[in-house]
């Protein structure tokens, strides 16, 4: 079951009232939005994944008069807000990465637990042509190194890329199991040197252009805020967080989960919430 992270800290920072207008740029299953609209705010919920958008609609059925659902990528947050008459808002929230719903849906290839699943990883199959397997089968050596450099360092990086290139000479990489086999083969004394989670994350980030999309979205989101409006971003790895820190320019505040939340929700362990107030 997916549990949204840092909910209390987000709610405490927003000072919500019945006039509040807030954009949830990563609606997901609607966990954060549900807590926001319970307190009287109106929310524009943006979601790129059509399956997640349907889940959110069901979860937020009793609040549908206070939620506008928008299918789209948050890199287009400015045009999405304009099209829904939702500009000059009090706050915008980004909860980056994927959810447990994605991990548990084995058919989509986000998890390495179901070896026969196709290595897809597209959050929005309607707008993205290339699957994870397509990237692994077609990218040049230098491009593969760039792809995996977001989560893997040398010398393991070069070893993994060489293993991929050698493997695909004989076989197309199609499944989760094939990719995990390659990752596990980068080993020393029988021990795998690269955590599968890091290798899979790098491919997912590349398939969905997650870092580029975030870089495009932040200035657009900031421009939508009222004076004293807040930009709240939850990141889960250094690639995301470095982009956020660069945009914030050492301003804003950093909040991390409490030990109690981490004990209850392991996903919270690597979460960082940064909040920037517009001046």
C-alpha atoms as a PDB file:
ATOM      1  CA  UNK A   1       0.000   0.000   0.000  1.00  0.00           C
ATOM      2  CA  UNK A   2       1.428   3.380  -1.026  1.00  0.00           C
ATOM      3  CA  UNK A   3       1.847   5.948   1.743  1.00  0.00           C
ATOM      4  CA  UNK A   4       2.616   9.553   0.886  1.00  0.00           C
ATOM      5  CA  UNK A   5       5.673  10.918   2.664  1.00  0.00           C
ATOM      6  CA  UNK A   6       6.129  14.050   4.794  1.00  0.00           C
ATOM      7  CA  UNK A   7       2.383  14.750   4.788  1.00  0.00           C
ATOM      8  CA  UNK A   8       2.315  16.427   8.217  1.00  0.00           C
ATOM      9  CA  UNK A   9       5.261  18.672   7.375  1.00  0.00           C
ATOM     10  CA  UNK A  10       3.660  19.738   4.099  1.00  0.00           C
ATOM     11  CA  UNK A  11       0.288  20.501   5.683  1.00  0.00           C
ATOM     12  CA  UNK A  12       1.928  22.428   8.530  1.00  0.00           C
ATOM     13  CA  UNK A  13       3.824  24.621   6.060  1.00  0.00           C
ATOM     14  CA  UNK A  14       0.841  25.515   3.869  1.00  0.00           C
ATOM     15  CA  UNK A  15      -1.527  27.280   6.313  1.00  0.00           C
ATOM     16  CA  UNK A  16      -4.508  26.140   4.232  1.00  0.00           C
ATOM     17  CA  UNK A  17      -7.888  27.869   4.244  1.00  0.00           C
ATOM     18  CA  UNK A  18     -11.003  27.774   2.068  1.00  0.00           C
ATOM     19  CA  UNK A  19      -9.488  30.324  -0.328  1.00  0.00           C
ATOM     20  CA  UNK A  20      -6.256  28.396  -0.910  1.00  0.00           C
ATOM     21  CA  UNK A  21      -5.471  27.350  -4.481  1.00  0.00           C
ATOM     22  CA  UNK A  22      -2.769  24.711  -4.736  1.00  0.00           C
ATOM     23  CA  UNK A  23      -1.288  22.701  -7.604  1.00  0.00           C
ATOM     24  CA  UNK A  24      -0.278  19.107  -6.963  1.00  0.00           C
ATOM     25  CA  UNK A  25       2.082  18.634  -9.913  1.00  0.00           C
ATOM     26  CA  UNK A  26       2.514  14.913  -9.202  1.00  0.00           C
ATOM     27  CA  UNK A  27      -0.976  13.824  -8.210  1.00  0.00           C
ATOM     28  CA  UNK A  28      -0.224  10.098  -8.106  1.00  0.00           C
ATOM     29  CA  UNK A  29      -2.868   8.251  -6.105  1.00  0.00           C
ATOM     30  CA  UNK A  30      -3.958  11.526  -4.512  1.00  0.00           C
ATOM     31  CA  UNK A  31      -2.527  11.073  -1.020  1.00  0.00           C
ATOM     32  CA  UNK A  32      -1.182  14.591  -0.546  1.00  0.00           C
ATOM     33  CA  UNK A  33      -4.121  16.180  -2.352  1.00  0.00           C
ATOM     34  CA  UNK A  34      -6.623  14.384  -0.126  1.00  0.00           C
ATOM     35  CA  UNK A  35      -5.074  15.900   2.991  1.00  0.00           C
ATOM     36  CA  UNK A  36      -5.002  19.337   1.353  1.00  0.00           C
ATOM     37  CA  UNK A  37      -8.632  19.393   0.184  1.00  0.00           C
ATOM     38  CA  UNK A  38      -9.841  18.048   3.532  1.00  0.00           C
ATOM     39  CA  UNK A  39      -8.798  21.423   4.889  1.00  0.00           C
ATOM     40  CA  UNK A  40     -10.851  23.391   2.370  1.00  0.00           C
ATOM     41  CA  UNK A  41      -8.400  24.188  -0.420  1.00  0.00           C
ATOM     42  CA  UNK A  42      -9.019  23.772  -4.127  1.00  0.00           C
ATOM     43  CA  UNK A  43      -6.426  21.687  -5.988  1.00  0.00           C
ATOM     44  CA  UNK A  44      -5.345  21.296  -9.589  1.00  0.00           C
ATOM     45  CA  UNK A  45      -3.979  17.753  -9.733  1.00  0.00           C
ATOM     46  CA  UNK A  46      -1.571  17.056 -12.586  1.00  0.00           C
ATOM     47  CA  UNK A  47      -0.609  13.483 -13.474  1.00  0.00           C
ATOM     48  CA  UNK A  48       1.302  12.108 -16.466  1.00  0.00           C
ATOM     49  CA  UNK A  49       0.448   8.442 -15.874  1.00  0.00           C
ATOM     50  CA  UNK A  50      -3.086   7.643 -17.111  1.00  0.00           C
ATOM     51  CA  UNK A  51      -3.396   4.628 -14.795  1.00  0.00           C
ATOM     52  CA  UNK A  52      -2.478   6.700 -11.746  1.00  0.00           C
ATOM     53  CA  UNK A  53      -4.919   9.420 -12.778  1.00  0.00           C
ATOM     54  CA  UNK A  54      -7.764   6.898 -12.725  1.00  0.00           C
ATOM     55  CA  UNK A  55      -6.707   5.696  -9.266  1.00  0.00           C
ATOM     56  CA  UNK A  56      -6.671   9.303  -8.042  1.00  0.00           C
ATOM     57  CA  UNK A  57     -10.149   9.968  -9.449  1.00  0.00           C
ATOM     58  CA  UNK A  58     -11.519   7.024  -7.462  1.00  0.00           C
ATOM     59  CA  UNK A  59      -9.657   7.919  -4.270  1.00  0.00           C
ATOM     60  CA  UNK A  60     -10.787  11.547  -4.425  1.00  0.00           C
ATOM     61  CA  UNK A  61     -14.377  10.918  -5.531  1.00  0.00           C
ATOM     62  CA  UNK A  62     -15.814  12.486  -2.379  1.00  0.00           C
ATOM     63  CA  UNK A  63     -13.758  15.665  -2.959  1.00  0.00           C
ATOM     64  CA  UNK A  64     -14.356  16.025  -6.708  1.00  0.00           C
ATOM     65  CA  UNK A  65     -15.917  19.474  -6.286  1.00  0.00           C
ATOM     66  CA  UNK A  66     -12.546  20.724  -4.994  1.00  0.00           C
ATOM     67  CA  UNK A  67     -10.189  18.894  -7.367  1.00  0.00           C
ATOM     68  CA  UNK A  68      -9.519  19.574 -11.037  1.00  0.00           C
ATOM     69  CA  UNK A  69      -7.903  16.535 -12.676  1.00  0.00           C
ATOM     70  CA  UNK A  70      -5.440  17.244 -15.483  1.00  0.00           C
ATOM     71  CA  UNK A  71      -3.658  14.640 -17.595  1.00  0.00           C
ATOM     72  CA  UNK A  72      -0.241  15.983 -18.543  1.00  0.00           C
ATOM     73  CA  UNK A  73       3.459  16.210 -17.833  1.00  0.00           C
ATOM     74  CA  UNK A  74       4.515  18.783 -15.258  1.00  0.00           C
ATOM     75  CA  UNK A  75       7.080  20.203 -17.679  1.00  0.00           C
ATOM     76  CA  UNK A  76       3.994  21.858 -19.203  1.00  0.00           C
ATOM     77  CA  UNK A  77       2.702  23.086 -15.844  1.00  0.00           C
ATOM     78  CA  UNK A  78       2.363  26.664 -17.100  1.00  0.00           C
ATOM     79  CA  UNK A  79       0.062  25.791 -19.992  1.00  0.00           C
ATOM     80  CA  UNK A  80      -1.850  23.226 -17.897  1.00  0.00           C
ATOM     81  CA  UNK A  81      -2.498  25.884 -15.244  1.00  0.00           C
ATOM     82  CA  UNK A  82      -3.555  28.439 -17.850  1.00  0.00           C
ATOM     83  CA  UNK A  83      -5.911  25.999 -19.581  1.00  0.00           C
ATOM     84  CA  UNK A  84      -7.591  25.290 -16.240  1.00  0.00           C
ATOM     85  CA  UNK A  85      -7.733  28.935 -15.104  1.00  0.00           C
ATOM     86  CA  UNK A  86      -5.449  28.064 -12.211  1.00  0.00           C
ATOM     87  CA  UNK A  87      -2.719  30.714 -12.236  1.00  0.00           C
ATOM     88  CA  UNK A  88      -1.312  32.772  -9.347  1.00  0.00           C
ATOM     89  CA  UNK A  89      -1.570  29.993  -6.802  1.00  0.00           C
ATOM     90  CA  UNK A  90      -0.661  29.724  -3.126  1.00  0.00           C
ATOM     91  CA  UNK A  91       1.541  26.650  -3.436  1.00  0.00           C
ATOM     92  CA  UNK A  92       2.812  24.008  -5.844  1.00  0.00           C
ATOM     93  CA  UNK A  93       3.874  20.546  -4.697  1.00  0.00           C
ATOM     94  CA  UNK A  94       6.151  18.086  -6.488  1.00  0.00           C
ATOM     95  CA  UNK A  95       6.563  14.559  -5.071  1.00  0.00           C
ATOM     96  CA  UNK A  96       9.180  13.169  -7.445  1.00  0.00           C
ATOM     97  CA  UNK A  97       9.870   9.611  -8.567  1.00  0.00           C
ATOM     98  CA  UNK A  98       7.472   6.677  -8.704  1.00  0.00           C
ATOM     99  CA  UNK A  99       5.089   5.110  -6.222  1.00  0.00           C
ATOM    100  CA  UNK A 100       4.582   1.637  -4.826  1.00  0.00           C
ATOM    101  CA  UNK A 101       1.744   1.263  -7.341  1.00  0.00           C
ATOM    102  CA  UNK A 102       4.342   1.318 -10.116  1.00  0.00           C
ATOM    103  CA  UNK A 103       6.603  -1.141  -8.326  1.00  0.00           C
ATOM    104  CA  UNK A 104       3.730  -3.540  -7.683  1.00  0.00           C
ATOM    105  CA  UNK A 105       2.452  -3.437 -11.280  1.00  0.00           C
ATOM    106  CA  UNK A 106       4.914  -6.006 -12.611  1.00  0.00           C
ATOM    107  CA  UNK A 107       3.736  -5.685 -16.210  1.00  0.00           C
ATOM    108  CA  UNK A 108       5.240  -2.198 -16.467  1.00  0.00           C
ATOM    109  CA  UNK A 109       8.828  -3.228 -15.808  1.00  0.00           C
ATOM    110  CA  UNK A 110       9.666  -0.860 -12.946  1.00  0.00           C
ATOM    111  CA  UNK A 111      10.467  -3.710 -10.555  1.00  0.00           C
ATOM    112  CA  UNK A 112      13.024  -6.495 -10.928  1.00  0.00           C
ATOM    113  CA  UNK A 113      10.859  -8.916  -8.961  1.00  0.00           C
ATOM    114  CA  UNK A 114       9.036 -10.345 -12.005  1.00  0.00           C
ATOM    115  CA  UNK A 115      11.749 -11.577 -14.358  1.00  0.00           C
ATOM    116  CA  UNK A 116       9.518 -12.205 -17.387  1.00  0.00           C
ATOM    117  CA  UNK A 117       8.079  -8.675 -17.440  1.00  0.00           C
ATOM    118  CA  UNK A 118       9.023  -6.549 -20.422  1.00  0.00           C
ATOM    119  CA  UNK A 119      11.490  -3.780 -19.571  1.00  0.00           C
ATOM    120  CA  UNK A 120       9.153  -0.885 -20.357  1.00  0.00           C
ATOM    121  CA  UNK A 121       9.269   1.776 -17.591  1.00  0.00           C
ATOM    122  CA  UNK A 122       7.275   4.443 -19.438  1.00  0.00           C
ATOM    123  CA  UNK A 123       5.092   6.486 -17.107  1.00  0.00           C
ATOM    124  CA  UNK A 124       2.977   7.613 -20.053  1.00  0.00           C
ATOM    125  CA  UNK A 125       3.021   5.046 -22.877  1.00  0.00           C
ATOM    126  CA  UNK A 126       0.820   7.338 -24.979  1.00  0.00           C
ATOM    127  CA  UNK A 127       3.442  10.078 -25.265  1.00  0.00           C
ATOM    128  CA  UNK A 128       6.731   8.183 -24.918  1.00  0.00           C
ATOM    129  CA  UNK A 129       7.916   6.000 -27.780  1.00  0.00           C
ATOM    130  CA  UNK A 130      11.079   4.431 -26.342  1.00  0.00           C
ATOM    131  CA  UNK A 131      10.963   1.748 -23.659  1.00  0.00           C
ATOM    132  CA  UNK A 132      13.803   0.878 -21.306  1.00  0.00           C
ATOM    133  CA  UNK A 133      14.733  -2.081 -23.481  1.00  0.00           C
ATOM    134  CA  UNK A 134      14.951   0.194 -26.532  1.00  0.00           C
ATOM    135  CA  UNK A 135      17.545   2.380 -24.819  1.00  0.00           C
ATOM    136  CA  UNK A 136      19.658  -0.559 -23.673  1.00  0.00           C
ATOM    137  CA  UNK A 137      19.629  -2.091 -27.154  1.00  0.00           C
ATOM    138  CA  UNK A 138      20.378   1.028 -29.198  1.00  0.00           C
ATOM    139  CA  UNK A 139      22.438   3.572 -27.238  1.00  0.00           C
ATOM    140  CA  UNK A 140      26.153   3.926 -27.938  1.00  0.00           C
ATOM    141  CA  UNK A 141      28.717   3.174 -25.243  1.00  0.00           C
ATOM    142  CA  UNK A 142      29.172   6.851 -24.325  1.00  0.00           C
ATOM    143  CA  UNK A 143      25.398   7.345 -24.162  1.00  0.00           C
ATOM    144  CA  UNK A 144      24.977   4.329 -21.889  1.00  0.00           C
ATOM    145  CA  UNK A 145      27.688   5.683 -19.590  1.00  0.00           C
ATOM    146  CA  UNK A 146      25.859   8.995 -19.375  1.00  0.00           C
ATOM    147  CA  UNK A 147      22.578   7.192 -18.661  1.00  0.00           C
ATOM    148  CA  UNK A 148      23.946   5.152 -15.751  1.00  0.00           C
ATOM    149  CA  UNK A 149      26.169   7.908 -14.345  1.00  0.00           C
ATOM    150  CA  UNK A 150      23.187   9.334 -12.444  1.00  0.00           C
ATOM    151  CA  UNK A 151      23.392   6.445  -9.976  1.00  0.00           C
ATOM    152  CA  UNK A 152      26.548   4.384 -10.639  1.00  0.00           C
ATOM    153  CA  UNK A 153      30.202   5.423 -10.434  1.00  0.00           C
ATOM    154  CA  UNK A 154      33.441   4.105 -11.901  1.00  0.00           C
ATOM    155  CA  UNK A 155      34.806   1.497 -12.232  1.00  0.00           C
ATOM    156  CA  UNK A 156      31.464  -0.312 -11.952  1.00  0.00           C
ATOM    157  CA  UNK A 157      29.904   2.068 -14.488  1.00  0.00           C
ATOM    158  CA  UNK A 158      32.250   1.021 -17.301  1.00  0.00           C
ATOM    159  CA  UNK A 159      31.971  -2.633 -16.347  1.00  0.00           C
ATOM    160  CA  UNK A 160      28.182  -2.533 -16.563  1.00  0.00           C
ATOM    161  CA  UNK A 161      28.160  -0.749 -19.918  1.00  0.00           C
ATOM    162  CA  UNK A 162      30.633  -3.243 -21.362  1.00  0.00           C
ATOM    163  CA  UNK A 163      28.469  -6.140 -20.115  1.00  0.00           C
ATOM    164  CA  UNK A 164      25.396  -4.617 -21.792  1.00  0.00           C
ATOM    165  CA  UNK A 165      27.193  -4.133 -25.103  1.00  0.00           C
ATOM    166  CA  UNK A 166      28.605  -7.665 -25.071  1.00  0.00           C
ATOM    167  CA  UNK A 167      25.219  -9.157 -24.156  1.00  0.00           C
ATOM    168  CA  UNK A 168      23.317  -7.410 -26.914  1.00  0.00           C
ATOM    169  CA  UNK A 169      25.705  -8.686 -29.585  1.00  0.00           C
ATOM    170  CA  UNK A 170      24.093 -12.092 -29.092  1.00  0.00           C
ATOM    171  CA  UNK A 171      20.629 -11.245 -27.724  1.00  0.00           C
ATOM    172  CA  UNK A 172      18.201  -8.351 -27.666  1.00  0.00           C
ATOM    173  CA  UNK A 173      17.499  -7.183 -24.121  1.00  0.00           C
ATOM    174  CA  UNK A 174      13.745  -7.440 -23.695  1.00  0.00           C
ATOM    175  CA  UNK A 175      12.889  -8.438 -20.142  1.00  0.00           C
ATOM    176  CA  UNK A 176      13.467  -7.375 -16.571  1.00  0.00           C
ATOM    177  CA  UNK A 177      15.178 -10.705 -15.931  1.00  0.00           C
ATOM    178  CA  UNK A 178      17.695 -10.241 -18.734  1.00  0.00           C
ATOM    179  CA  UNK A 179      18.679  -6.814 -17.466  1.00  0.00           C
ATOM    180  CA  UNK A 180      18.960  -7.982 -13.869  1.00  0.00           C
ATOM    181  CA  UNK A 181      21.144 -10.878 -15.039  1.00  0.00           C
ATOM    182  CA  UNK A 182      23.495  -8.388 -16.700  1.00  0.00           C
ATOM    183  CA  UNK A 183      23.598  -6.152 -13.620  1.00  0.00           C
ATOM    184  CA  UNK A 184      24.252  -9.107 -11.314  1.00  0.00           C
ATOM    185  CA  UNK A 185      27.105 -10.279 -13.560  1.00  0.00           C
ATOM    186  CA  UNK A 186      29.137  -7.204 -12.586  1.00  0.00           C
ATOM    187  CA  UNK A 187      30.555  -9.009  -9.586  1.00  0.00           C
ATOM    188  CA  UNK A 188      33.616  -9.722  -7.492  1.00  0.00           C
ATOM    189  CA  UNK A 189      34.161 -12.981  -5.634  1.00  0.00           C
ATOM    190  CA  UNK A 190      30.608 -13.991  -6.385  1.00  0.00           C
ATOM    191  CA  UNK A 191      29.103 -10.776  -5.001  1.00  0.00           C
ATOM    192  CA  UNK A 192      27.214  -8.355  -7.217  1.00  0.00           C
ATOM    193  CA  UNK A 193      28.829  -4.905  -7.119  1.00  0.00           C
ATOM    194  CA  UNK A 194      25.840  -2.883  -8.331  1.00  0.00           C
ATOM    195  CA  UNK A 195      22.493  -2.760  -6.490  1.00  0.00           C
ATOM    196  CA  UNK A 196      19.724  -3.571  -8.959  1.00  0.00           C
ATOM    197  CA  UNK A 197      17.664  -0.685  -7.575  1.00  0.00           C
ATOM    198  CA  UNK A 198      20.274   1.833  -8.770  1.00  0.00           C
ATOM    199  CA  UNK A 199      20.583   0.341 -12.244  1.00  0.00           C
ATOM    200  CA  UNK A 200      16.815   0.164 -12.739  1.00  0.00           C
ATOM    201  CA  UNK A 201      16.371   3.705 -11.425  1.00  0.00           C
ATOM    202  CA  UNK A 202      18.872   5.068 -13.950  1.00  0.00           C
ATOM    203  CA  UNK A 203      16.995   3.469 -16.849  1.00  0.00           C
ATOM    204  CA  UNK A 204      13.648   4.748 -15.561  1.00  0.00           C
ATOM    205  CA  UNK A 205      15.011   8.274 -15.239  1.00  0.00           C
ATOM    206  CA  UNK A 206      16.294   8.148 -18.823  1.00  0.00           C
ATOM    207  CA  UNK A 207      13.110   6.660 -20.304  1.00  0.00           C
ATOM    208  CA  UNK A 208      10.987   9.424 -18.783  1.00  0.00           C
ATOM    209  CA  UNK A 209      13.602  12.215 -19.109  1.00  0.00           C
ATOM    210  CA  UNK A 210      12.947  12.889 -15.436  1.00  0.00           C
ATOM    211  CA  UNK A 211      15.855  15.234 -14.739  1.00  0.00           C
ATOM    212  CA  UNK A 212      15.322  17.308 -17.891  1.00  0.00           C
ATOM    213  CA  UNK A 213      11.598  17.534 -17.175  1.00  0.00           C
ATOM    214  CA  UNK A 214      12.279  18.727 -13.619  1.00  0.00           C
ATOM    215  CA  UNK A 215      14.719  21.386 -14.839  1.00  0.00           C
ATOM    216  CA  UNK A 216      12.111  22.681 -17.276  1.00  0.00           C
ATOM    217  CA  UNK A 217       9.293  22.652 -14.729  1.00  0.00           C
ATOM    218  CA  UNK A 218      10.826  24.547 -11.803  1.00  0.00           C
ATOM    219  CA  UNK A 219      11.017  28.067 -13.301  1.00  0.00           C
ATOM    220  CA  UNK A 220       7.539  27.659 -14.785  1.00  0.00           C
ATOM    221  CA  UNK A 221       6.139  26.574 -11.431  1.00  0.00           C
ATOM    222  CA  UNK A 222       7.802  29.458  -9.603  1.00  0.00           C
ATOM    223  CA  UNK A 223       6.266  31.940 -12.053  1.00  0.00           C
ATOM    224  CA  UNK A 224       2.778  30.622 -11.215  1.00  0.00           C
ATOM    225  CA  UNK A 225       3.088  31.414  -7.508  1.00  0.00           C
ATOM    226  CA  UNK A 226       1.598  34.452  -5.822  1.00  0.00           C
ATOM    227  CA  UNK A 227       3.878  36.614  -3.715  1.00  0.00           C
ATOM    228  CA  UNK A 228       4.664  34.583  -0.573  1.00  0.00           C
ATOM    229  CA  UNK A 229       3.502  31.444  -2.391  1.00  0.00           C
ATOM    230  CA  UNK A 230       5.441  28.258  -1.690  1.00  0.00           C
ATOM    231  CA  UNK A 231       7.192  25.770  -3.930  1.00  0.00           C
ATOM    232  CA  UNK A 232       7.484  22.399  -2.176  1.00  0.00           C
ATOM    233  CA  UNK A 233       9.578  19.610  -3.676  1.00  0.00           C
ATOM    234  CA  UNK A 234      10.140  16.107  -2.333  1.00  0.00           C
ATOM    235  CA  UNK A 235      13.164  14.425  -3.918  1.00  0.00           C
ATOM    236  CA  UNK A 236      14.517  10.932  -3.406  1.00  0.00           C
ATOM    237  CA  UNK A 237      17.990  10.874  -4.953  1.00  0.00           C
ATOM    238  CA  UNK A 238      20.943  13.193  -5.457  1.00  0.00           C
ATOM    239  CA  UNK A 239      20.254  13.836  -9.145  1.00  0.00           C
ATOM    240  CA  UNK A 240      16.859  15.339  -8.370  1.00  0.00           C
ATOM    241  CA  UNK A 241      18.024  17.144  -5.254  1.00  0.00           C
ATOM    242  CA  UNK A 242      20.986  18.790  -6.990  1.00  0.00           C
ATOM    243  CA  UNK A 243      18.642  20.304  -9.591  1.00  0.00           C
ATOM    244  CA  UNK A 244      16.335  21.583  -6.857  1.00  0.00           C
ATOM    245  CA  UNK A 245      19.215  23.033  -4.810  1.00  0.00           C
ATOM    246  CA  UNK A 246      20.625  24.795  -7.866  1.00  0.00           C
ATOM    247  CA  UNK A 247      17.251  26.380  -8.603  1.00  0.00           C
ATOM    248  CA  UNK A 248      16.707  27.417  -4.980  1.00  0.00           C
ATOM    249  CA  UNK A 249      20.172  29.076  -4.886  1.00  0.00           C
ATOM    250  CA  UNK A 250      20.767  28.206  -1.215  1.00  0.00           C
ATOM    251  CA  UNK A 251      17.449  29.751  -0.192  1.00  0.00           C
ATOM    252  CA  UNK A 252      14.451  27.982   1.304  1.00  0.00           C
ATOM    253  CA  UNK A 253      14.366  25.328   3.998  1.00  0.00           C
ATOM    254  CA  UNK A 254      15.129  21.611   4.114  1.00  0.00           C
ATOM    255  CA  UNK A 255      12.984  19.094   6.007  1.00  0.00           C
ATOM    256  CA  UNK A 256      13.719  15.382   6.349  1.00  0.00           C
ATOM    257  CA  UNK A 257      11.418  12.655   7.694  1.00  0.00           C
ATOM    258  CA  UNK A 258      11.341  11.818  11.371  1.00  0.00           C
ATOM    259  CA  UNK A 259      12.648   8.481  12.607  1.00  0.00           C
ATOM    260  CA  UNK A 260       9.061   7.520  13.397  1.00  0.00           C
ATOM    261  CA  UNK A 261       7.936   8.094   9.805  1.00  0.00           C
ATOM    262  CA  UNK A 262      10.887   6.141   8.414  1.00  0.00           C
ATOM    263  CA  UNK A 263      10.060   3.250  10.743  1.00  0.00           C
ATOM    264  CA  UNK A 264       6.467   3.257   9.464  1.00  0.00           C
ATOM    265  CA  UNK A 265       7.256   3.913   5.797  1.00  0.00           C
ATOM    266  CA  UNK A 266      10.614   2.764   4.441  1.00  0.00           C
ATOM    267  CA  UNK A 267      10.106   4.838   1.264  1.00  0.00           C
ATOM    268  CA  UNK A 268      10.581   7.958   3.383  1.00  0.00           C
ATOM    269  CA  UNK A 269      14.181   7.065   4.232  1.00  0.00           C
ATOM    270  CA  UNK A 270      15.755   8.930   1.317  1.00  0.00           C
ATOM    271  CA  UNK A 271      13.152  11.704   1.059  1.00  0.00           C
ATOM    272  CA  UNK A 272      14.087  15.386   1.268  1.00  0.00           C
ATOM    273  CA  UNK A 273      11.514  18.173   1.301  1.00  0.00           C
ATOM    274  CA  UNK A 274      12.730  21.587   0.182  1.00  0.00           C
ATOM    275  CA  UNK A 275      10.444  24.603   0.466  1.00  0.00           C
ATOM    276  CA  UNK A 276      11.017  27.936  -1.270  1.00  0.00           C
ATOM    277  CA  UNK A 277       8.842  30.988  -0.584  1.00  0.00           C
ATOM    278  CA  UNK A 278       8.376  33.450  -3.448  1.00  0.00           C
ATOM    279  CA  UNK A 279       9.449  36.974  -2.600  1.00  0.00           C
END
